[in-house]
């Protein structure tokens, strides 16, 4: 039996690949974009350990893979949802690029000290 999205007021069915998230595709993409924004701020403000950096990259990659599985699973997607998914992938790619730049700056700062 399909579950409904856990977001307040949302009655949309959760795709099987997002069952562990308990979110519909729309709310999953919104949450993923918000997480990227929060992690981007963390990466620029805090000197994180290598373990934390690896943890962040793994989490982002896993959620991106999950989004790809859902988007290509054959469920019907409106043009608006397709655009949102593509925008979320762009957000993930930009996050990774910014994260790598921040990590590079941190490594350079460690060497200079």
PDB file of N, CA and C in Angstrom:
ATOM      1  N   UNK A   1       0.833  -1.179   0.000  1.00  0.00           N
ATOM      2  CA  UNK A   1       0.000   0.000   0.000  1.00  0.00           C
ATOM      3  C   UNK A   1       0.883   1.250   0.000  1.00  0.00           C
ATOM      4  N   UNK A   2       0.558   2.193  -0.861  1.00  0.00           N
ATOM      5  CA  UNK A   2       1.342   3.416  -0.991  1.00  0.00           C
ATOM      6  C   UNK A   2       1.016   4.378   0.155  1.00  0.00           C
ATOM      7  N   UNK A   3       2.058   5.018   0.649  1.00  0.00           N
ATOM      8  CA  UNK A   3       1.903   5.987   1.732  1.00  0.00           C
ATOM      9  C   UNK A   3       1.764   7.381   1.166  1.00  0.00           C
ATOM     10  N   UNK A   4       1.190   8.272   1.962  1.00  0.00           N
ATOM     11  CA  UNK A   4       1.086   9.668   1.570  1.00  0.00           C
ATOM     12  C   UNK A   4       2.287  10.434   2.098  1.00  0.00           C
ATOM     13  N   UNK A   5       2.584  11.538   1.463  1.00  0.00           N
ATOM     14  CA  UNK A   5       3.696  12.410   1.827  1.00  0.00           C
ATOM     15  C   UNK A   5       3.534  12.892   3.267  1.00  0.00           C
ATOM     16  N   UNK A   6       4.657  12.973   3.966  1.00  0.00           N
ATOM     17  CA  UNK A   6       4.621  13.407   5.363  1.00  0.00           C
ATOM     18  C   UNK A   6       4.659  14.926   5.516  1.00  0.00           C
ATOM     19  N   UNK A   7       4.813  15.669   4.421  1.00  0.00           N
ATOM     20  CA  UNK A   7       4.813  17.130   4.491  1.00  0.00           C
ATOM     21  C   UNK A   7       3.420  17.618   4.901  1.00  0.00           C
ATOM     22  N   UNK A   8       3.397  18.612   5.738  1.00  0.00           N
ATOM     23  CA  UNK A   8       2.139  19.139   6.262  1.00  0.00           C
ATOM     24  C   UNK A   8       1.200  19.547   5.131  1.00  0.00           C
ATOM     25  N   UNK A   9       0.008  18.976   5.145  1.00  0.00           N
ATOM     26  CA  UNK A   9      -1.021  19.328   4.184  1.00  0.00           C
ATOM     27  C   UNK A   9      -0.927  18.638   2.840  1.00  0.00           C
ATOM     28  N   UNK A  10       0.114  17.864   2.597  1.00  0.00           N
ATOM     29  CA  UNK A  10       0.289  17.204   1.301  1.00  0.00           C
ATOM     30  C   UNK A  10      -0.364  15.829   1.326  1.00  0.00           C
ATOM     31  N   UNK A  11      -1.147  15.544   0.326  1.00  0.00           N
ATOM     32  CA  UNK A  11      -1.842  14.259   0.223  1.00  0.00           C
ATOM     33  C   UNK A  11      -1.299  13.410  -0.929  1.00  0.00           C
ATOM     34  N   UNK A  12      -0.192  13.840  -1.516  1.00  0.00           N
ATOM     35  CA  UNK A  12       0.381  13.152  -2.666  1.00  0.00           C
ATOM     36  C   UNK A  12       0.993  11.821  -2.237  1.00  0.00           C
ATOM     37  N   UNK A  13       0.883  10.830  -3.099  1.00  0.00           N
ATOM     38  CA  UNK A  13       1.450   9.510  -2.840  1.00  0.00           C
ATOM     39  C   UNK A  13       2.965   9.559  -2.963  1.00  0.00           C
ATOM     40  N   UNK A  14       3.626   8.845  -2.089  1.00  0.00           N
ATOM     41  CA  UNK A  14       5.084   8.765  -2.088  1.00  0.00           C
ATOM     42  C   UNK A  14       5.527   7.672  -3.063  1.00  0.00           C
ATOM     43  N   UNK A  15       6.407   7.994  -4.025  1.00  0.00           N
ATOM     44  CA  UNK A  15       6.918   6.953  -4.927  1.00  0.00           C
ATOM     45  C   UNK A  15       7.696   5.906  -4.128  1.00  0.00           C
ATOM     46  N   UNK A  16       7.690   4.656  -4.580  1.00  0.00           N
ATOM     47  CA  UNK A  16       8.377   3.584  -3.840  1.00  0.00           C
ATOM     48  C   UNK A  16       9.843   3.894  -3.515  1.00  0.00           C
ATOM     49  N   UNK A  17      10.556   4.532  -4.443  1.00  0.00           N
ATOM     50  CA  UNK A  17      11.971   4.835  -4.206  1.00  0.00           C
ATOM     51  C   UNK A  17      12.180   5.907  -3.137  1.00  0.00           C
ATOM     52  N   UNK A  18      11.130   6.637  -2.783  1.00  0.00           N
ATOM     53  CA  UNK A  18      11.240   7.669  -1.757  1.00  0.00           C
ATOM     54  C   UNK A  18      10.546   7.271  -0.456  1.00  0.00           C
ATOM     55  N   UNK A  19      10.183   6.002  -0.338  1.00  0.00           N
ATOM     56  CA  UNK A  19       9.482   5.527   0.861  1.00  0.00           C
ATOM     57  C   UNK A  19      10.294   5.795   2.126  1.00  0.00           C
ATOM     58  N   UNK A  20      11.603   5.637   2.061  1.00  0.00           N
ATOM     59  CA  UNK A  20      12.435   5.870   3.241  1.00  0.00           C
ATOM     60  C   UNK A  20      12.452   7.339   3.639  1.00  0.00           C
ATOM     61  N   UNK A  21      12.193   8.231   2.701  1.00  0.00           N
ATOM     62  CA  UNK A  21      12.153   9.667   2.966  1.00  0.00           C
ATOM     63  C   UNK A  21      10.767  10.119   3.421  1.00  0.00           C
ATOM     64  N   UNK A  22       9.735   9.344   3.097  1.00  0.00           N
ATOM     65  CA  UNK A  22       8.334   9.678   3.392  1.00  0.00           C
ATOM     66  C   UNK A  22       7.917  11.008   2.782  1.00  0.00           C
ATOM     67  N   UNK A  23       8.467  11.317   1.611  1.00  0.00           N
ATOM     68  CA  UNK A  23       8.152  12.563   0.922  1.00  0.00           C
ATOM     69  C   UNK A  23       7.767  12.281  -0.522  1.00  0.00           C
ATOM     70  N   UNK A  24       6.843  13.089  -1.038  1.00  0.00           N
ATOM     71  CA  UNK A  24       6.531  13.010  -2.458  1.00  0.00           C
ATOM     72  C   UNK A  24       7.703  13.622  -3.223  1.00  0.00           C
ATOM     73  N   UNK A  25       7.679  13.488  -4.524  1.00  0.00           N
ATOM     74  CA  UNK A  25       8.787  13.974  -5.336  1.00  0.00           C
ATOM     75  C   UNK A  25       8.981  15.484  -5.198  1.00  0.00           C
ATOM     76  N   UNK A  26       7.904  16.234  -5.186  1.00  0.00           N
ATOM     77  CA  UNK A  26       8.006  17.685  -5.046  1.00  0.00           C
ATOM     78  C   UNK A  26       8.678  18.062  -3.727  1.00  0.00           C
ATOM     79  N   UNK A  27       8.204  17.508  -2.639  1.00  0.00           N
ATOM     80  CA  UNK A  27       8.762  17.861  -1.334  1.00  0.00           C
ATOM     81  C   UNK A  27      10.177  17.297  -1.152  1.00  0.00           C
ATOM     82  N   UNK A  28      10.485  16.198  -1.808  1.00  0.00           N
ATOM     83  CA  UNK A  28      11.854  15.673  -1.769  1.00  0.00           C
ATOM     84  C   UNK A  28      12.812  16.652  -2.449  1.00  0.00           C
ATOM     85  N   UNK A  29      12.409  17.177  -3.612  1.00  0.00           N
ATOM     86  CA  UNK A  29      13.283  18.126  -4.309  1.00  0.00           C
ATOM     87  C   UNK A  29      13.434  19.417  -3.510  1.00  0.00           C
ATOM     88  N   UNK A  30      12.360  19.881  -2.906  1.00  0.00           N
ATOM     89  CA  UNK A  30      12.436  21.094  -2.083  1.00  0.00           C
ATOM     90  C   UNK A  30      13.386  20.864  -0.903  1.00  0.00           C
ATOM     91  N   UNK A  31      13.236  19.735  -0.225  1.00  0.00           N
ATOM     92  CA  UNK A  31      14.095  19.423   0.924  1.00  0.00           C
ATOM     93  C   UNK A  31      15.552  19.289   0.498  1.00  0.00           C
ATOM     94  N   UNK A  32      15.776  18.672  -0.644  1.00  0.00           N
ATOM     95  CA  UNK A  32      17.136  18.494  -1.140  1.00  0.00           C
ATOM     96  C   UNK A  32      17.787  19.842  -1.457  1.00  0.00           C
ATOM     97  N   UNK A  33      17.046  20.733  -2.077  1.00  0.00           N
ATOM     98  CA  UNK A  33      17.577  22.064  -2.375  1.00  0.00           C
ATOM     99  C   UNK A  33      17.848  22.855  -1.091  1.00  0.00           C
ATOM    100  N   UNK A  34      16.972  22.730  -0.107  1.00  0.00           N
ATOM    101  CA  UNK A  34      17.198  23.410   1.176  1.00  0.00           C
ATOM    102  C   UNK A  34      18.423  22.843   1.883  1.00  0.00           C
ATOM    103  N   UNK A  35      18.586  21.526   1.836  1.00  0.00           N
ATOM    104  CA  UNK A  35      19.764  20.894   2.448  1.00  0.00           C
ATOM    105  C   UNK A  35      21.044  21.375   1.770  1.00  0.00           C
ATOM    106  N   UNK A  36      21.016  21.482   0.448  1.00  0.00           N
ATOM    107  CA  UNK A  36      22.200  21.960  -0.273  1.00  0.00           C
ATOM    108  C   UNK A  36      22.546  23.382   0.140  1.00  0.00           C
ATOM    109  N   UNK A  37      21.543  24.228   0.289  1.00  0.00           N
ATOM    110  CA  UNK A  37      21.791  25.611   0.697  1.00  0.00           C
ATOM    111  C   UNK A  37      22.405  25.653   2.097  1.00  0.00           C
ATOM    112  N   UNK A  38      21.873  24.846   3.000  1.00  0.00           N
ATOM    113  CA  UNK A  38      22.392  24.812   4.368  1.00  0.00           C
ATOM    114  C   UNK A  38      23.812  24.257   4.399  1.00  0.00           C
ATOM    115  N   UNK A  39      24.064  23.201   3.637  1.00  0.00           N
ATOM    116  CA  UNK A  39      25.404  22.605   3.594  1.00  0.00           C
ATOM    117  C   UNK A  39      26.401  23.539   2.910  1.00  0.00           C
ATOM    118  N   UNK A  40      25.955  24.296   1.926  1.00  0.00           N
ATOM    119  CA  UNK A  40      26.833  25.266   1.265  1.00  0.00           C
ATOM    120  C   UNK A  40      27.281  26.326   2.269  1.00  0.00           C
ATOM    121  N   UNK A  41      26.334  26.791   3.091  1.00  0.00           N
ATOM    122  CA  UNK A  41      26.694  27.759   4.131  1.00  0.00           C
ATOM    123  C   UNK A  41      27.674  27.145   5.124  1.00  0.00           C
ATOM    124  N   UNK A  42      27.421  25.906   5.504  1.00  0.00           N
ATOM    125  CA  UNK A  42      28.321  25.222   6.435  1.00  0.00           C
ATOM    126  C   UNK A  42      29.717  25.084   5.845  1.00  0.00           C
ATOM    127  N   UNK A  43      29.789  24.747   4.586  1.00  0.00           N
ATOM    128  CA  UNK A  43      31.088  24.540   3.943  1.00  0.00           C
ATOM    129  C   UNK A  43      31.892  25.831   3.837  1.00  0.00           C
ATOM    130  N   UNK A  44      31.219  26.951   3.664  1.00  0.00           N
ATOM    131  CA  UNK A  44      31.949  28.209   3.526  1.00  0.00           C
ATOM    132  C   UNK A  44      32.298  28.847   4.861  1.00  0.00           C
ATOM    133  N   UNK A  45      31.539  28.549   5.908  1.00  0.00           N
ATOM    134  CA  UNK A  45      31.752  29.191   7.194  1.00  0.00           C
ATOM    135  C   UNK A  45      32.594  28.377   8.170  1.00  0.00           C
ATOM    136  N   UNK A  46      32.562  27.073   8.013  1.00  0.00           N
ATOM    137  CA  UNK A  46      33.195  26.195   8.995  1.00  0.00           C
ATOM    138  C   UNK A  46      34.302  25.391   8.331  1.00  0.00           C
ATOM    139  N   UNK A  47      35.399  25.252   9.042  1.00  0.00           N
ATOM    140  CA  UNK A  47      36.459  24.367   8.571  1.00  0.00           C
ATOM    141  C   UNK A  47      36.105  22.973   9.079  1.00  0.00           C
ATOM    142  N   UNK A  48      35.539  22.163   8.196  1.00  0.00           N
ATOM    143  CA  UNK A  48      35.084  20.833   8.575  1.00  0.00           C
ATOM    144  C   UNK A  48      36.220  19.825   8.458  1.00  0.00           C
ATOM    145  N   UNK A  49      36.084  18.762   9.205  1.00  0.00           N
ATOM    146  CA  UNK A  49      37.075  17.691   9.139  1.00  0.00           C
ATOM    147  C   UNK A  49      36.923  16.935   7.822  1.00  0.00           C
ATOM    148  N   UNK A  50      37.925  16.190   7.487  1.00  0.00           N
ATOM    149  CA  UNK A  50      37.845  15.377   6.259  1.00  0.00           C
ATOM    150  C   UNK A  50      36.704  14.375   6.349  1.00  0.00           C
ATOM    151  N   UNK A  51      36.480  13.841   7.551  1.00  0.00           N
ATOM    152  CA  UNK A  51      35.395  12.878   7.737  1.00  0.00           C
ATOM    153  C   UNK A  51      34.041  13.528   7.474  1.00  0.00           C
ATOM    154  N   UNK A  52      33.855  14.751   7.984  1.00  0.00           N
ATOM    155  CA  UNK A  52      32.595  15.468   7.767  1.00  0.00           C
ATOM    156  C   UNK A  52      32.419  15.802   6.287  1.00  0.00           C
ATOM    157  N   UNK A  53      33.478  16.219   5.629  1.00  0.00           N
ATOM    158  CA  UNK A  53      33.398  16.494   4.193  1.00  0.00           C
ATOM    159  C   UNK A  53      33.007  15.247   3.420  1.00  0.00           C
ATOM    160  N   UNK A  54      33.610  14.112   3.758  1.00  0.00           N
ATOM    161  CA  UNK A  54      33.277  12.856   3.079  1.00  0.00           C
ATOM    162  C   UNK A  54      31.824  12.469   3.351  1.00  0.00           C
ATOM    163  N   UNK A  55      31.377  12.691   4.577  1.00  0.00           N
ATOM    164  CA  UNK A  55      29.994  12.393   4.955  1.00  0.00           C
ATOM    165  C   UNK A  55      29.016  13.249   4.152  1.00  0.00           C
ATOM    166  N   UNK A  56      29.321  14.522   4.005  1.00  0.00           N
ATOM    167  CA  UNK A  56      28.462  15.433   3.244  1.00  0.00           C
ATOM    168  C   UNK A  56      28.388  15.006   1.784  1.00  0.00           C
ATOM    169  N   UNK A  57      29.533  14.727   1.182  1.00  0.00           N
ATOM    170  CA  UNK A  57      29.555  14.333  -0.231  1.00  0.00           C
ATOM    171  C   UNK A  57      28.814  13.022  -0.459  1.00  0.00           C
ATOM    172  N   UNK A  58      28.954  12.078   0.458  1.00  0.00           N
ATOM    173  CA  UNK A  58      28.255  10.803   0.332  1.00  0.00           C
ATOM    174  C   UNK A  58      26.743  11.007   0.420  1.00  0.00           C
ATOM    175  N   UNK A  59      26.309  11.805   1.379  1.00  0.00           N
ATOM    176  CA  UNK A  59      24.874  12.059   1.540  1.00  0.00           C
ATOM    177  C   UNK A  59      24.284  12.739   0.312  1.00  0.00           C
ATOM    178  N   UNK A  60      24.986  13.722  -0.222  1.00  0.00           N
ATOM    179  CA  UNK A  60      24.500  14.427  -1.411  1.00  0.00           C
ATOM    180  C   UNK A  60      24.456  13.480  -2.611  1.00  0.00           C
ATOM    181  N   UNK A  61      25.482  12.669  -2.767  1.00  0.00           N
ATOM    182  CA  UNK A  61      25.514  11.722  -3.891  1.00  0.00           C
ATOM    183  C   UNK A  61      24.386  10.695  -3.773  1.00  0.00           C
ATOM    184  N   UNK A  62      24.152  10.194  -2.580  1.00  0.00           N
ATOM    185  CA  UNK A  62      23.083   9.204  -2.389  1.00  0.00           C
ATOM    186  C   UNK A  62      21.714   9.797  -2.705  1.00  0.00           C
ATOM    187  N   UNK A  63      21.483  11.024  -2.260  1.00  0.00           N
ATOM    188  CA  UNK A  63      20.190  11.649  -2.527  1.00  0.00           C
ATOM    189  C   UNK A  63      20.043  12.002  -4.007  1.00  0.00           C
ATOM    190  N   UNK A  64      21.134  12.371  -4.659  1.00  0.00           N
ATOM    191  CA  UNK A  64      21.093  12.615  -6.102  1.00  0.00           C
ATOM    192  C   UNK A  64      20.787  11.341  -6.875  1.00  0.00           C
ATOM    193  N   UNK A  65      21.384  10.242  -6.451  1.00  0.00           N
ATOM    194  CA  UNK A  65      21.099   8.949  -7.088  1.00  0.00           C
ATOM    195  C   UNK A  65      19.647   8.546  -6.877  1.00  0.00           C
ATOM    196  N   UNK A  66      19.136   8.813  -5.688  1.00  0.00           N
ATOM    197  CA  UNK A  66      17.741   8.499  -5.393  1.00  0.00           C
ATOM    198  C   UNK A  66      16.822   9.322  -6.294  1.00  0.00           C
ATOM    199  N   UNK A  67      17.143  10.595  -6.473  1.00  0.00           N
ATOM    200  CA  UNK A  67      16.355  11.453  -7.357  1.00  0.00           C
ATOM    201  C   UNK A  67      16.398  10.928  -8.788  1.00  0.00           C
ATOM    202  N   UNK A  68      17.556  10.493  -9.238  1.00  0.00           N
ATOM    203  CA  UNK A  68      17.682   9.956 -10.597  1.00  0.00           C
ATOM    204  C   UNK A  68      16.839   8.693 -10.757  1.00  0.00           C
ATOM    205  N   UNK A  69      16.858   7.823  -9.747  1.00  0.00           N
ATOM    206  CA  UNK A  69      16.047   6.589  -9.825  1.00  0.00           C
ATOM    207  C   UNK A  69      14.568   6.913  -9.930  1.00  0.00           C
ATOM    208  N   UNK A  70      14.102   7.854  -9.127  1.00  0.00           N
ATOM    209  CA  UNK A  70      12.681   8.216  -9.150  1.00  0.00           C
ATOM    210  C   UNK A  70      12.332   8.869 -10.486  1.00  0.00           C
ATOM    211  N   UNK A  71      13.176   9.779 -10.941  1.00  0.00           N
ATOM    212  CA  UNK A  71      12.890  10.521 -12.176  1.00  0.00           C
ATOM    213  C   UNK A  71      12.864   9.615 -13.395  1.00  0.00           C
ATOM    214  N   UNK A  72      13.609   8.531 -13.356  1.00  0.00           N
ATOM    215  CA  UNK A  72      13.667   7.630 -14.516  1.00  0.00           C
ATOM    216  C   UNK A  72      12.909   6.323 -14.283  1.00  0.00           C
ATOM    217  N   UNK A  73      12.068   6.294 -13.255  1.00  0.00           N
ATOM    218  CA  UNK A  73      11.365   5.056 -12.909  1.00  0.00           C
ATOM    219  C   UNK A  73      10.144   4.777 -13.777  1.00  0.00           C
ATOM    220  N   UNK A  74       9.744   5.749 -14.572  1.00  0.00           N
ATOM    221  CA  UNK A  74       8.595   5.534 -15.441  1.00  0.00           C
ATOM    222  C   UNK A  74       7.311   6.138 -14.896  1.00  0.00           C
ATOM    223  N   UNK A  75       7.367   6.803 -13.747  1.00  0.00           N
ATOM    224  CA  UNK A  75       6.158   7.460 -13.250  1.00  0.00           C
ATOM    225  C   UNK A  75       5.859   8.667 -14.127  1.00  0.00           C
ATOM    226  N   UNK A  76       4.585   9.004 -14.208  1.00  0.00           N
ATOM    227  CA  UNK A  76       4.190  10.158 -15.023  1.00  0.00           C
ATOM    228  C   UNK A  76       4.640  11.432 -14.336  1.00  0.00           C
ATOM    229  N   UNK A  77       5.344  12.279 -15.086  1.00  0.00           N
ATOM    230  CA  UNK A  77       5.824  13.552 -14.562  1.00  0.00           C
ATOM    231  C   UNK A  77       5.311  14.679 -15.440  1.00  0.00           C
ATOM    232  N   UNK A  78       4.794  15.704 -14.812  1.00  0.00           N
ATOM    233  CA  UNK A  78       4.370  16.882 -15.568  1.00  0.00           C
ATOM    234  C   UNK A  78       5.615  17.627 -16.047  1.00  0.00           C
ATOM    235  N   UNK A  79       5.425  18.505 -17.001  1.00  0.00           N
ATOM    236  CA  UNK A  79       6.548  19.309 -17.477  1.00  0.00           C
ATOM    237  C   UNK A  79       7.127  20.162 -16.352  1.00  0.00           C
ATOM    238  N   UNK A  80       6.255  20.667 -15.470  1.00  0.00           N
ATOM    239  CA  UNK A  80       6.721  21.462 -14.330  1.00  0.00           C
ATOM    240  C   UNK A  80       7.595  20.629 -13.395  1.00  0.00           C
ATOM    241  N   UNK A  81       7.195  19.375 -13.167  1.00  0.00           N
ATOM    242  CA  UNK A  81       7.979  18.504 -12.287  1.00  0.00           C
ATOM    243  C   UNK A  81       9.303  18.131 -12.951  1.00  0.00           C
ATOM    244  N   UNK A  82       9.288  17.911 -14.241  1.00  0.00           N
ATOM    245  CA  UNK A  82      10.540  17.631 -14.951  1.00  0.00           C
ATOM    246  C   UNK A  82      11.499  18.821 -14.820  1.00  0.00           C
ATOM    247  N   UNK A  83      10.959  20.023 -14.961  1.00  0.00           N
ATOM    248  CA  UNK A  83      11.786  21.225 -14.822  1.00  0.00           C
ATOM    249  C   UNK A  83      12.339  21.334 -13.400  1.00  0.00           C
ATOM    250  N   UNK A  84      11.522  21.021 -12.401  1.00  0.00           N
ATOM    251  CA  UNK A  84      11.969  21.074 -11.007  1.00  0.00           C
ATOM    252  C   UNK A  84      13.075  20.055 -10.760  1.00  0.00           C
ATOM    253  N   UNK A  85      12.933  18.870 -11.319  1.00  0.00           N
ATOM    254  CA  UNK A  85      13.953  17.824 -11.154  1.00  0.00           C
ATOM    255  C   UNK A  85      15.263  18.275 -11.793  1.00  0.00           C
ATOM    256  N   UNK A  86      15.177  18.808 -12.998  1.00  0.00           N
ATOM    257  CA  UNK A  86      16.391  19.299 -13.662  1.00  0.00           C
ATOM    258  C   UNK A  86      17.036  20.434 -12.866  1.00  0.00           C
ATOM    259  N   UNK A  87      16.218  21.314 -12.318  1.00  0.00           N
ATOM    260  CA  UNK A  87      16.741  22.399 -11.496  1.00  0.00           C
ATOM    261  C   UNK A  87      17.419  21.851 -10.238  1.00  0.00           C
ATOM    262  N   UNK A  88      16.850  20.804  -9.669  1.00  0.00           N
ATOM    263  CA  UNK A  88      17.445  20.201  -8.475  1.00  0.00           C
ATOM    264  C   UNK A  88      18.781  19.554  -8.817  1.00  0.00           C
ATOM    265  N   UNK A  89      18.872  18.909  -9.978  1.00  0.00           N
ATOM    266  CA  UNK A  89      20.160  18.358 -10.403  1.00  0.00           C
ATOM    267  C   UNK A  89      21.190  19.471 -10.603  1.00  0.00           C
ATOM    268  N   UNK A  90      20.766  20.580 -11.154  1.00  0.00           N
ATOM    269  CA  UNK A  90      21.659  21.724 -11.319  1.00  0.00           C
ATOM    270  C   UNK A  90      22.121  22.230  -9.953  1.00  0.00           C
ATOM    271  N   UNK A  91      21.212  22.280  -9.004  1.00  0.00           N
ATOM    272  CA  UNK A  91      21.562  22.675  -7.640  1.00  0.00           C
ATOM    273  C   UNK A  91      22.610  21.729  -7.058  1.00  0.00           C
ATOM    274  N   UNK A  92      22.426  20.432  -7.266  1.00  0.00           N
ATOM    275  CA  UNK A  92      23.389  19.444  -6.764  1.00  0.00           C
ATOM    276  C   UNK A  92      24.759  19.621  -7.419  1.00  0.00           C
ATOM    277  N   UNK A  93      24.770  19.854  -8.717  1.00  0.00           N
ATOM    278  CA  UNK A  93      26.042  20.043  -9.415  1.00  0.00           C
ATOM    279  C   UNK A  93      26.741  21.316  -8.946  1.00  0.00           C
ATOM    280  N   UNK A  94      25.979  22.397  -8.800  1.00  0.00           N
ATOM    281  CA  UNK A  94      26.561  23.645  -8.306  1.00  0.00           C
ATOM    282  C   UNK A  94      27.062  23.492  -6.875  1.00  0.00           C
ATOM    283  N   UNK A  95      26.311  22.762  -6.061  1.00  0.00           N
ATOM    284  CA  UNK A  95      26.753  22.515  -4.690  1.00  0.00           C
ATOM    285  C   UNK A  95      28.098  21.799  -4.692  1.00  0.00           C
ATOM    286  N   UNK A  96      28.193  20.763  -5.494  1.00  0.00           N
ATOM    287  CA  UNK A  96      29.435  19.986  -5.534  1.00  0.00           C
ATOM    288  C   UNK A  96      30.610  20.862  -5.974  1.00  0.00           C
ATOM    289  N   UNK A  97      30.385  21.679  -6.971  1.00  0.00           N
ATOM    290  CA  UNK A  97      31.430  22.582  -7.459  1.00  0.00           C
ATOM    291  C   UNK A  97      31.851  23.569  -6.368  1.00  0.00           C
ATOM    292  N   UNK A  98      30.880  24.181  -5.707  1.00  0.00           N
ATOM    293  CA  UNK A  98      31.176  25.125  -4.625  1.00  0.00           C
ATOM    294  C   UNK A  98      31.842  24.429  -3.448  1.00  0.00           C
ATOM    295  N   UNK A  99      31.392  23.230  -3.148  1.00  0.00           N
ATOM    296  CA  UNK A  99      31.966  22.463  -2.043  1.00  0.00           C
ATOM    297  C   UNK A  99      33.425  22.135  -2.324  1.00  0.00           C
ATOM    298  N   UNK A 100      33.709  21.699  -3.540  1.00  0.00           N
ATOM    299  CA  UNK A 100      35.094  21.381  -3.915  1.00  0.00           C
ATOM    300  C   UNK A 100      35.979  22.626  -3.835  1.00  0.00           C
ATOM    301  N   UNK A 101      35.446  23.775  -4.263  1.00  0.00           N
ATOM    302  CA  UNK A 101      36.200  25.030  -4.182  1.00  0.00           C
ATOM    303  C   UNK A 101      36.489  25.401  -2.729  1.00  0.00           C
ATOM    304  N   UNK A 102      35.489  25.256  -1.866  1.00  0.00           N
ATOM    305  CA  UNK A 102      35.670  25.580  -0.444  1.00  0.00           C
ATOM    306  C   UNK A 102      36.685  24.639   0.194  1.00  0.00           C
ATOM    307  N   UNK A 103      36.620  23.358  -0.150  1.00  0.00           N
ATOM    308  CA  UNK A 103      37.570  22.386   0.391  1.00  0.00           C
ATOM    309  C   UNK A 103      38.984  22.700  -0.082  1.00  0.00           C
ATOM    310  N   UNK A 104      39.107  23.143  -1.319  1.00  0.00           N
ATOM    311  CA  UNK A 104      40.415  23.511  -1.854  1.00  0.00           C
ATOM    312  C   UNK A 104      40.984  24.725  -1.123  1.00  0.00           C
ATOM    313  N   UNK A 105      40.131  25.713  -0.855  1.00  0.00           N
ATOM    314  CA  UNK A 105      40.576  26.892  -0.099  1.00  0.00           C
ATOM    315  C   UNK A 105      41.010  26.509   1.309  1.00  0.00           C
ATOM    316  N   UNK A 106      40.250  25.594   1.930  1.00  0.00           N
ATOM    317  CA  UNK A 106      40.608  25.149   3.285  1.00  0.00           C
ATOM    318  C   UNK A 106      41.954  24.436   3.287  1.00  0.00           C
ATOM    319  N   UNK A 107      42.182  23.596   2.278  1.00  0.00           N
ATOM    320  CA  UNK A 107      43.454  22.878   2.176  1.00  0.00           C
ATOM    321  C   UNK A 107      44.613  23.848   1.968  1.00  0.00           C
ATOM    322  N   UNK A 108      44.394  24.863   1.139  1.00  0.00           N
ATOM    323  CA  UNK A 108      45.427  25.876   0.892  1.00  0.00           C
ATOM    324  C   UNK A 108      45.715  26.657   2.187  1.00  0.00           C
ATOM    325  N   UNK A 109      44.663  26.987   2.921  1.00  0.00           N
ATOM    326  CA  UNK A 109      44.846  27.734   4.167  1.00  0.00           C
ATOM    327  C   UNK A 109      45.627  26.907   5.188  1.00  0.00           C
ATOM    328  N   UNK A 110      45.401  25.605   5.211  1.00  0.00           N
ATOM    329  CA  UNK A 110      46.135  24.736   6.143  1.00  0.00           C
ATOM    330  C   UNK A 110      47.621  24.688   5.793  1.00  0.00           C
ATOM    331  N   UNK A 111      47.908  24.673   4.498  1.00  0.00           N
ATOM    332  CA  UNK A 111      49.303  24.601   4.043  1.00  0.00           C
ATOM    333  C   UNK A 111      50.022  25.898   4.362  1.00  0.00           C
ATOM    334  N   UNK A 112      49.345  27.029   4.160  1.00  0.00           N
ATOM    335  CA  UNK A 112      49.954  28.346   4.385  1.00  0.00           C
ATOM    336  C   UNK A 112      50.298  28.543   5.859  1.00  0.00           C
ATOM    337  N   UNK A 113      49.458  28.033   6.724  1.00  0.00           N
ATOM    338  CA  UNK A 113      49.701  28.189   8.162  1.00  0.00           C
ATOM    339  C   UNK A 113      50.863  27.382   8.542  1.00  0.00           C
TER     340      UNK A 113
END
